[in-house]
Amino acid sequence: MNTDVKFESLPPSAKLVFKVLEKGGLLTQKQITRESYLPSRTVRYALDRLKKTDILEERFYFRDARQSLYGIKNF
């Protein structure tokens, strides 16, 4: 399954989170919530869906070990 097909099958919330990350670069979940105006639970679900389709990368956030940084994978 190619990336375009994976992206088209995502729910609207995941597509919005993708666009926020595309524009903002590496962001924490809290920053994504603030930028997208989505509830944090919806953002968590969207991030999970993006991870399952292998579009998203998750990195360690050195400023606060309780959080992660999320970004779009380079293809």
Protein backbone atom coordinates (compact mmCIF):
# COMPACT_ATOMS: atom_id res chain seq x y z
CA MET A 1 0.00 0.00 0.00
CA ASN A 2 1.57 3.32 -1.01
CA THR A 3 1.61 6.51 1.05
CA ASP A 4 -1.16 8.25 -0.93
CA VAL A 5 -3.60 5.40 -0.37
CA LYS A 6 -2.69 5.26 3.33
CA PHE A 7 -3.26 9.00 3.68
CA GLU A 8 -6.63 8.91 1.91
CA SER A 9 -7.92 6.23 4.28
CA LEU A 10 -7.20 8.35 7.39
CA PRO A 11 -9.98 10.13 9.33
CA PRO A 12 -10.24 13.94 8.99
CA SER A 13 -8.66 14.51 12.41
CA ALA A 14 -5.52 12.59 11.40
CA LYS A 15 -5.31 14.56 8.15
CA LEU A 16 -5.53 17.82 10.12
CA VAL A 17 -2.80 16.68 12.52
CA PHE A 18 -0.69 15.73 9.50
CA LYS A 19 -1.11 19.24 8.05
CA VAL A 20 -0.25 20.85 11.40
CA LEU A 21 2.94 18.76 11.60
CA GLU A 22 3.74 19.47 7.96
CA LYS A 23 3.57 23.20 8.68
CA GLY A 24 5.02 23.22 12.20
CA GLY A 25 7.74 20.57 12.05
CA LEU A 26 8.47 18.64 15.23
CA LEU A 27 5.79 19.32 17.86
CA THR A 28 4.64 17.86 21.17
CA GLN A 29 1.11 16.55 21.60
CA LYS A 30 0.24 19.65 23.61
CA GLN A 31 1.50 21.92 20.81
CA ILE A 32 -0.47 19.95 18.21
CA THR A 33 -3.61 20.27 20.35
CA ARG A 34 -3.10 24.03 20.61
CA GLU A 35 -2.44 24.49 16.87
CA SER A 36 -5.25 22.23 15.62
CA TYR A 37 -7.94 23.24 18.16
CA LEU A 38 -8.77 19.53 18.53
CA PRO A 39 -9.37 17.86 21.91
CA SER A 40 -6.30 16.08 23.29
CA ARG A 41 -8.01 12.68 23.07
CA THR A 42 -8.69 13.25 19.36
CA VAL A 43 -5.07 14.27 18.81
CA ARG A 44 -3.89 11.09 20.59
CA TYR A 45 -6.13 9.00 18.33
CA ALA A 46 -4.91 10.84 15.22
CA LEU A 47 -1.26 10.37 16.22
CA ASP A 48 -1.90 6.66 16.79
CA ARG A 49 -3.46 6.31 13.34
CA LEU A 50 -0.56 8.18 11.72
CA LYS A 51 1.95 5.92 13.53
CA LYS A 52 0.11 2.78 12.37
CA THR A 53 0.31 3.93 8.73
CA ASP A 54 4.05 4.60 9.16
CA ILE A 55 3.71 8.29 8.21
CA LEU A 56 4.70 9.66 11.61
CA GLU A 57 7.96 9.57 13.54
CA GLU A 58 8.17 9.90 17.30
CA ARG A 59 11.26 11.30 19.00
CA PHE A 60 12.43 11.77 22.57
CA TYR A 61 11.83 15.30 23.91
CA PHE A 62 14.87 16.27 25.96
CA ARG A 63 13.25 19.30 27.63
CA ASP A 64 10.54 17.14 29.21
CA ALA A 65 10.99 13.36 29.27
CA ARG A 66 7.25 12.89 29.88
CA GLN A 67 6.49 14.12 26.36
CA SER A 68 7.49 13.08 22.85
CA LEU A 69 8.11 15.07 19.70
CA TYR A 70 6.13 14.10 16.62
CA GLY A 71 6.97 14.81 13.01
CA ILE A 72 6.34 13.61 9.48
CA LYS A 73 8.71 10.93 8.19
CA ASN A 74 10.85 11.77 5.18
CA PHE A 75 10.05 9.51 2.26
